[in-house]
């Protein structure tokens, strides 16, 4: 009887200890099965689309104008003046200014002209060129003369060279595209622009 009791107690002890050991096991993260998906840039298809390349910082080189207020765009049809919004869209304005100061836009065309918008600044001239930068959204309304930045399907990423000017009320674009300026002079020139017209220069003051 004592022998059976001893065997029984030994069995109970082993069972309890085994249970404790099993409860202390910590699950291990299987790193081999943890995959990081690369960021991809979708092909541009939406309205005011532009190609998406890896994000780029404003071009280095000529020092940007401090707190720029206006940019004058000279075209083969005449010139127009853009009031810039550096306080609301600092990165976009800095990028635009640096491109202007390095003659990036010289010779580029307006590749898209519709009854409500004029778009240009594409180095390829067909809406697929240029790099990418972060979108700077605001609630400033897009109206006649508003100057915005083209982008692809990802609202967070905009093109770093293509810009557009609204020739009609474009309030439906508000909060969807970067609004970095307003044409204050020469809107009549903008209205005359056609596909293939060229930019002679962009100067900033």
C-alpha atoms as a PDB file:
ATOM      1  CA  UNK A   1       0.000   0.000   0.000  1.00  0.00           C
ATOM      2  CA  UNK A   2       2.802   2.393   0.911  1.00  0.00           C
ATOM      3  CA  UNK A   3       4.507   1.483  -2.350  1.00  0.00           C
ATOM      4  CA  UNK A   4       1.431   2.342  -4.376  1.00  0.00           C
ATOM      5  CA  UNK A   5       1.018   5.638  -2.490  1.00  0.00           C
ATOM      6  CA  UNK A   6       4.645   6.576  -3.219  1.00  0.00           C
ATOM      7  CA  UNK A   7       4.239   5.834  -6.920  1.00  0.00           C
ATOM      8  CA  UNK A   8       1.036   7.858  -6.972  1.00  0.00           C
ATOM      9  CA  UNK A   9       2.689  10.886  -5.286  1.00  0.00           C
ATOM     10  CA  UNK A  10       5.682  10.711  -7.628  1.00  0.00           C
ATOM     11  CA  UNK A  11       3.322  10.678 -10.620  1.00  0.00           C
ATOM     12  CA  UNK A  12       1.359  13.668  -9.329  1.00  0.00           C
ATOM     13  CA  UNK A  13       4.575  15.639  -8.705  1.00  0.00           C
ATOM     14  CA  UNK A  14       5.887  14.907 -12.210  1.00  0.00           C
ATOM     15  CA  UNK A  15       2.583  15.952 -13.751  1.00  0.00           C
ATOM     16  CA  UNK A  16       2.544  19.289 -11.851  1.00  0.00           C
ATOM     17  CA  UNK A  17       6.178  20.075 -12.709  1.00  0.00           C
ATOM     18  CA  UNK A  18       5.617  19.193 -16.340  1.00  0.00           C
ATOM     19  CA  UNK A  19       2.635  21.511 -16.498  1.00  0.00           C
ATOM     20  CA  UNK A  20       4.647  24.389 -15.026  1.00  0.00           C
ATOM     21  CA  UNK A  21       7.409  23.910 -17.544  1.00  0.00           C
ATOM     22  CA  UNK A  22       4.951  23.902 -20.417  1.00  0.00           C
ATOM     23  CA  UNK A  23       3.283  27.095 -19.144  1.00  0.00           C
ATOM     24  CA  UNK A  24       6.590  28.989 -19.021  1.00  0.00           C
ATOM     25  CA  UNK A  25       7.386  28.492 -22.701  1.00  0.00           C
ATOM     26  CA  UNK A  26       7.453  31.883 -24.534  1.00  0.00           C
ATOM     27  CA  UNK A  27       6.235  31.923 -28.155  1.00  0.00           C
ATOM     28  CA  UNK A  28       9.006  32.877 -30.603  1.00  0.00           C
ATOM     29  CA  UNK A  29       8.496  35.350 -33.467  1.00  0.00           C
ATOM     30  CA  UNK A  30       9.237  33.649 -36.765  1.00  0.00           C
ATOM     31  CA  UNK A  31      11.292  36.375 -38.439  1.00  0.00           C
ATOM     32  CA  UNK A  32      11.688  34.289 -41.565  1.00  0.00           C
ATOM     33  CA  UNK A  33       7.983  34.665 -42.207  1.00  0.00           C
ATOM     34  CA  UNK A  34       7.902  38.401 -41.511  1.00  0.00           C
ATOM     35  CA  UNK A  35       8.013  40.182 -44.861  1.00  0.00           C
ATOM     36  CA  UNK A  36       8.347  43.913 -45.471  1.00  0.00           C
ATOM     37  CA  UNK A  37       6.488  44.984 -48.556  1.00  0.00           C
ATOM     38  CA  UNK A  38       8.403  47.490 -50.710  1.00  0.00           C
ATOM     39  CA  UNK A  39       6.764  50.824 -51.459  1.00  0.00           C
ATOM     40  CA  UNK A  40       5.556  50.934 -55.024  1.00  0.00           C
ATOM     41  CA  UNK A  41       4.506  53.902 -57.100  1.00  0.00           C
ATOM     42  CA  UNK A  42       1.395  53.262 -59.129  1.00  0.00           C
ATOM     43  CA  UNK A  43       1.238  54.230 -62.774  1.00  0.00           C
ATOM     44  CA  UNK A  44      -0.390  57.634 -63.187  1.00  0.00           C
ATOM     45  CA  UNK A  45      -3.955  57.452 -64.418  1.00  0.00           C
ATOM     46  CA  UNK A  46      -6.083  59.999 -62.532  1.00  0.00           C
ATOM     47  CA  UNK A  47      -6.887  63.553 -63.533  1.00  0.00           C
ATOM     48  CA  UNK A  48      -3.848  65.839 -63.376  1.00  0.00           C
ATOM     49  CA  UNK A  49      -1.702  62.734 -63.280  1.00  0.00           C
ATOM     50  CA  UNK A  50       2.069  62.702 -63.324  1.00  0.00           C
ATOM     51  CA  UNK A  51       4.654  59.988 -63.162  1.00  0.00           C
ATOM     52  CA  UNK A  52       5.891  58.893 -59.754  1.00  0.00           C
ATOM     53  CA  UNK A  53       9.597  58.325 -59.225  1.00  0.00           C
ATOM     54  CA  UNK A  54      11.480  57.918 -55.919  1.00  0.00           C
ATOM     55  CA  UNK A  55      11.021  60.870 -53.589  1.00  0.00           C
ATOM     56  CA  UNK A  56      13.561  63.600 -54.171  1.00  0.00           C
ATOM     57  CA  UNK A  57      14.706  66.586 -52.189  1.00  0.00           C
ATOM     58  CA  UNK A  58      14.805  70.055 -53.728  1.00  0.00           C
ATOM     59  CA  UNK A  59      17.662  70.329 -56.195  1.00  0.00           C
ATOM     60  CA  UNK A  60      20.885  71.552 -54.632  1.00  0.00           C
ATOM     61  CA  UNK A  61      22.937  74.223 -56.324  1.00  0.00           C
ATOM     62  CA  UNK A  62      21.952  77.852 -56.533  1.00  0.00           C
ATOM     63  CA  UNK A  63      20.803  79.121 -53.136  1.00  0.00           C
ATOM     64  CA  UNK A  64      17.018  79.636 -53.034  1.00  0.00           C
ATOM     65  CA  UNK A  65      15.528  83.086 -52.612  1.00  0.00           C
ATOM     66  CA  UNK A  66      14.683  83.782 -48.968  1.00  0.00           C
ATOM     67  CA  UNK A  67      10.916  83.939 -48.467  1.00  0.00           C
ATOM     68  CA  UNK A  68      10.110  84.207 -52.182  1.00  0.00           C
ATOM     69  CA  UNK A  69       6.928  86.106 -52.951  1.00  0.00           C
ATOM     70  CA  UNK A  70       6.446  85.889 -56.712  1.00  0.00           C
ATOM     71  CA  UNK A  71       7.578  83.927 -59.741  1.00  0.00           C
ATOM     72  CA  UNK A  72       7.422  85.218 -63.314  1.00  0.00           C
ATOM     73  CA  UNK A  73       6.899  82.583 -65.981  1.00  0.00           C
ATOM     74  CA  UNK A  74       7.895  83.734 -69.468  1.00  0.00           C
ATOM     75  CA  UNK A  75       6.385  81.785 -72.368  1.00  0.00           C
ATOM     76  CA  UNK A  76       6.301  82.151 -76.142  1.00  0.00           C
ATOM     77  CA  UNK A  77       2.833  83.716 -75.717  1.00  0.00           C
ATOM     78  CA  UNK A  78       3.870  86.223 -73.051  1.00  0.00           C
ATOM     79  CA  UNK A  79       4.446  86.130 -69.295  1.00  0.00           C
ATOM     80  CA  UNK A  80       2.401  85.626 -66.152  1.00  0.00           C
ATOM     81  CA  UNK A  81       3.165  86.219 -62.479  1.00  0.00           C
ATOM     82  CA  UNK A  82       2.509  83.729 -59.688  1.00  0.00           C
ATOM     83  CA  UNK A  83       2.131  84.770 -56.055  1.00  0.00           C
ATOM     84  CA  UNK A  84       3.768  81.957 -54.050  1.00  0.00           C
ATOM     85  CA  UNK A  85       2.697  80.497 -50.683  1.00  0.00           C
ATOM     86  CA  UNK A  86       5.978  79.602 -48.907  1.00  0.00           C
ATOM     87  CA  UNK A  87       4.348  79.625 -45.473  1.00  0.00           C
ATOM     88  CA  UNK A  88       1.726  77.048 -46.443  1.00  0.00           C
ATOM     89  CA  UNK A  89       3.790  74.925 -48.834  1.00  0.00           C
ATOM     90  CA  UNK A  90       7.457  75.520 -47.924  1.00  0.00           C
ATOM     91  CA  UNK A  91       8.913  72.373 -49.499  1.00  0.00           C
ATOM     92  CA  UNK A  92       7.000  72.807 -52.742  1.00  0.00           C
ATOM     93  CA  UNK A  93       7.951  76.465 -53.071  1.00  0.00           C
ATOM     94  CA  UNK A  94      11.601  75.747 -52.266  1.00  0.00           C
ATOM     95  CA  UNK A  95      11.684  73.031 -54.922  1.00  0.00           C
ATOM     96  CA  UNK A  96      10.027  75.309 -57.495  1.00  0.00           C
ATOM     97  CA  UNK A  97      12.408  78.164 -56.702  1.00  0.00           C
ATOM     98  CA  UNK A  98      15.511  76.000 -56.996  1.00  0.00           C
ATOM     99  CA  UNK A  99      14.355  74.620 -60.315  1.00  0.00           C
ATOM    100  CA  UNK A 100      13.694  78.158 -61.515  1.00  0.00           C
ATOM    101  CA  UNK A 101      17.146  79.314 -60.394  1.00  0.00           C
ATOM    102  CA  UNK A 102      18.855  76.474 -62.282  1.00  0.00           C
ATOM    103  CA  UNK A 103      16.868  77.058 -65.511  1.00  0.00           C
ATOM    104  CA  UNK A 104      15.209  73.660 -65.178  1.00  0.00           C
ATOM    105  CA  UNK A 105      12.039  74.864 -66.899  1.00  0.00           C
ATOM    106  CA  UNK A 106      13.752  76.557 -69.852  1.00  0.00           C
ATOM    107  CA  UNK A 107      12.470  75.038 -73.076  1.00  0.00           C
ATOM    108  CA  UNK A 108       9.890  72.769 -71.423  1.00  0.00           C
ATOM    109  CA  UNK A 109       6.374  72.729 -72.807  1.00  0.00           C
ATOM    110  CA  UNK A 110       2.761  72.871 -71.746  1.00  0.00           C
ATOM    111  CA  UNK A 111       1.722  69.342 -72.626  1.00  0.00           C
ATOM    112  CA  UNK A 112      -1.878  69.535 -71.489  1.00  0.00           C
ATOM    113  CA  UNK A 113      -4.474  72.226 -72.169  1.00  0.00           C
ATOM    114  CA  UNK A 114      -8.160  71.677 -71.460  1.00  0.00           C
ATOM    115  CA  UNK A 115     -11.073  74.029 -70.931  1.00  0.00           C
ATOM    116  CA  UNK A 116     -10.372  74.190 -67.199  1.00  0.00           C
ATOM    117  CA  UNK A 117      -6.608  73.674 -66.822  1.00  0.00           C
ATOM    118  CA  UNK A 118      -3.169  74.277 -68.338  1.00  0.00           C
ATOM    119  CA  UNK A 119      -0.376  71.922 -67.291  1.00  0.00           C
ATOM    120  CA  UNK A 120       3.360  71.975 -68.009  1.00  0.00           C
ATOM    121  CA  UNK A 121       6.843  71.552 -66.597  1.00  0.00           C
ATOM    122  CA  UNK A 122       7.368  67.940 -67.673  1.00  0.00           C
ATOM    123  CA  UNK A 123      10.939  67.241 -68.899  1.00  0.00           C
ATOM    124  CA  UNK A 124       9.539  64.478 -71.149  1.00  0.00           C
ATOM    125  CA  UNK A 125       6.769  66.672 -72.487  1.00  0.00           C
ATOM    126  CA  UNK A 126       4.078  64.012 -72.274  1.00  0.00           C
ATOM    127  CA  UNK A 127       2.956  63.943 -68.635  1.00  0.00           C
ATOM    128  CA  UNK A 128       5.139  61.028 -67.557  1.00  0.00           C
ATOM    129  CA  UNK A 129       8.362  62.823 -66.612  1.00  0.00           C
ATOM    130  CA  UNK A 130       9.738  64.381 -63.457  1.00  0.00           C
ATOM    131  CA  UNK A 131      10.498  63.045 -60.005  1.00  0.00           C
ATOM    132  CA  UNK A 132       8.384  62.853 -56.871  1.00  0.00           C
ATOM    133  CA  UNK A 133       8.023  64.733 -53.608  1.00  0.00           C
ATOM    134  CA  UNK A 134       5.649  64.816 -50.665  1.00  0.00           C
ATOM    135  CA  UNK A 135       2.264  66.446 -51.177  1.00  0.00           C
ATOM    136  CA  UNK A 136       1.531  69.520 -49.018  1.00  0.00           C
ATOM    137  CA  UNK A 137      -2.227  69.725 -48.629  1.00  0.00           C
ATOM    138  CA  UNK A 138      -4.180  72.694 -47.328  1.00  0.00           C
ATOM    139  CA  UNK A 139      -7.744  73.946 -47.361  1.00  0.00           C
ATOM    140  CA  UNK A 140      -6.892  76.917 -49.582  1.00  0.00           C
ATOM    141  CA  UNK A 141      -9.499  76.724 -52.333  1.00  0.00           C
ATOM    142  CA  UNK A 142      -8.531  76.074 -55.941  1.00  0.00           C
ATOM    143  CA  UNK A 143     -10.031  78.912 -57.972  1.00  0.00           C
ATOM    144  CA  UNK A 144      -9.380  80.519 -61.351  1.00  0.00           C
ATOM    145  CA  UNK A 145      -5.638  81.222 -61.427  1.00  0.00           C
ATOM    146  CA  UNK A 146      -4.692  78.760 -58.675  1.00  0.00           C
ATOM    147  CA  UNK A 147      -1.393  76.968 -59.287  1.00  0.00           C
ATOM    148  CA  UNK A 148      -1.107  73.367 -58.179  1.00  0.00           C
ATOM    149  CA  UNK A 149       1.196  70.365 -58.435  1.00  0.00           C
ATOM    150  CA  UNK A 150       0.320  67.303 -60.509  1.00  0.00           C
ATOM    151  CA  UNK A 151       0.369  63.878 -58.886  1.00  0.00           C
ATOM    152  CA  UNK A 152      -0.382  60.212 -59.494  1.00  0.00           C
ATOM    153  CA  UNK A 153      -2.797  57.934 -57.670  1.00  0.00           C
ATOM    154  CA  UNK A 154      -1.131  58.262 -54.261  1.00  0.00           C
ATOM    155  CA  UNK A 155      -2.405  61.481 -52.682  1.00  0.00           C
ATOM    156  CA  UNK A 156       0.690  61.664 -50.451  1.00  0.00           C
ATOM    157  CA  UNK A 157       3.140  61.826 -53.347  1.00  0.00           C
ATOM    158  CA  UNK A 158       3.237  64.606 -55.952  1.00  0.00           C
ATOM    159  CA  UNK A 159       5.354  65.238 -59.020  1.00  0.00           C
ATOM    160  CA  UNK A 160       8.347  67.499 -58.394  1.00  0.00           C
ATOM    161  CA  UNK A 161       8.244  69.487 -61.642  1.00  0.00           C
ATOM    162  CA  UNK A 162       4.812  69.438 -63.284  1.00  0.00           C
ATOM    163  CA  UNK A 163       2.511  72.284 -62.292  1.00  0.00           C
ATOM    164  CA  UNK A 164      -0.926  73.337 -63.469  1.00  0.00           C
ATOM    165  CA  UNK A 165      -2.960  76.542 -63.570  1.00  0.00           C
ATOM    166  CA  UNK A 166      -6.739  76.455 -63.182  1.00  0.00           C
ATOM    167  CA  UNK A 167      -8.529  78.409 -65.906  1.00  0.00           C
ATOM    168  CA  UNK A 168     -11.913  77.772 -64.286  1.00  0.00           C
ATOM    169  CA  UNK A 169     -13.078  77.263 -60.723  1.00  0.00           C
ATOM    170  CA  UNK A 170     -11.423  74.051 -59.490  1.00  0.00           C
ATOM    171  CA  UNK A 171     -12.729  73.968 -55.936  1.00  0.00           C
ATOM    172  CA  UNK A 172     -13.234  70.192 -56.214  1.00  0.00           C
ATOM    173  CA  UNK A 173      -9.428  69.854 -56.139  1.00  0.00           C
ATOM    174  CA  UNK A 174      -9.189  71.565 -52.732  1.00  0.00           C
ATOM    175  CA  UNK A 175      -7.494  69.360 -50.169  1.00  0.00           C
ATOM    176  CA  UNK A 176      -6.569  66.845 -52.874  1.00  0.00           C
ATOM    177  CA  UNK A 177      -3.582  68.548 -54.542  1.00  0.00           C
ATOM    178  CA  UNK A 178      -0.821  70.900 -53.407  1.00  0.00           C
ATOM    179  CA  UNK A 179      -1.944  74.506 -53.943  1.00  0.00           C
ATOM    180  CA  UNK A 180       1.229  76.605 -53.887  1.00  0.00           C
ATOM    181  CA  UNK A 181       0.381  79.821 -55.699  1.00  0.00           C
ATOM    182  CA  UNK A 182      -1.997  82.089 -57.571  1.00  0.00           C
ATOM    183  CA  UNK A 183      -1.622  83.887 -60.907  1.00  0.00           C
ATOM    184  CA  UNK A 184      -1.948  87.591 -60.105  1.00  0.00           C
ATOM    185  CA  UNK A 185      -0.901  89.022 -63.480  1.00  0.00           C
ATOM    186  CA  UNK A 186      -1.056  87.699 -67.013  1.00  0.00           C
ATOM    187  CA  UNK A 187      -4.036  85.380 -66.693  1.00  0.00           C
ATOM    188  CA  UNK A 188      -4.917  86.412 -70.239  1.00  0.00           C
ATOM    189  CA  UNK A 189      -1.613  84.859 -71.336  1.00  0.00           C
ATOM    190  CA  UNK A 190      -2.434  81.627 -69.529  1.00  0.00           C
ATOM    191  CA  UNK A 191      -5.776  81.497 -71.342  1.00  0.00           C
ATOM    192  CA  UNK A 192      -3.973  81.713 -74.708  1.00  0.00           C
ATOM    193  CA  UNK A 193      -1.603  78.817 -74.053  1.00  0.00           C
ATOM    194  CA  UNK A 194      -1.879  75.765 -76.282  1.00  0.00           C
ATOM    195  CA  UNK A 195      -0.344  72.295 -76.235  1.00  0.00           C
ATOM    196  CA  UNK A 196       3.279  72.594 -77.309  1.00  0.00           C
ATOM    197  CA  UNK A 197       3.779  76.199 -76.179  1.00  0.00           C
ATOM    198  CA  UNK A 198       7.087  76.611 -74.381  1.00  0.00           C
ATOM    199  CA  UNK A 199       8.498  78.096 -71.197  1.00  0.00           C
ATOM    200  CA  UNK A 200      11.383  80.474 -71.868  1.00  0.00           C
ATOM    201  CA  UNK A 201      12.261  81.114 -68.233  1.00  0.00           C
ATOM    202  CA  UNK A 202      11.007  81.220 -64.666  1.00  0.00           C
ATOM    203  CA  UNK A 203      12.418  83.909 -62.379  1.00  0.00           C
ATOM    204  CA  UNK A 204      11.712  84.346 -58.679  1.00  0.00           C
ATOM    205  CA  UNK A 205      11.688  87.502 -56.567  1.00  0.00           C
END
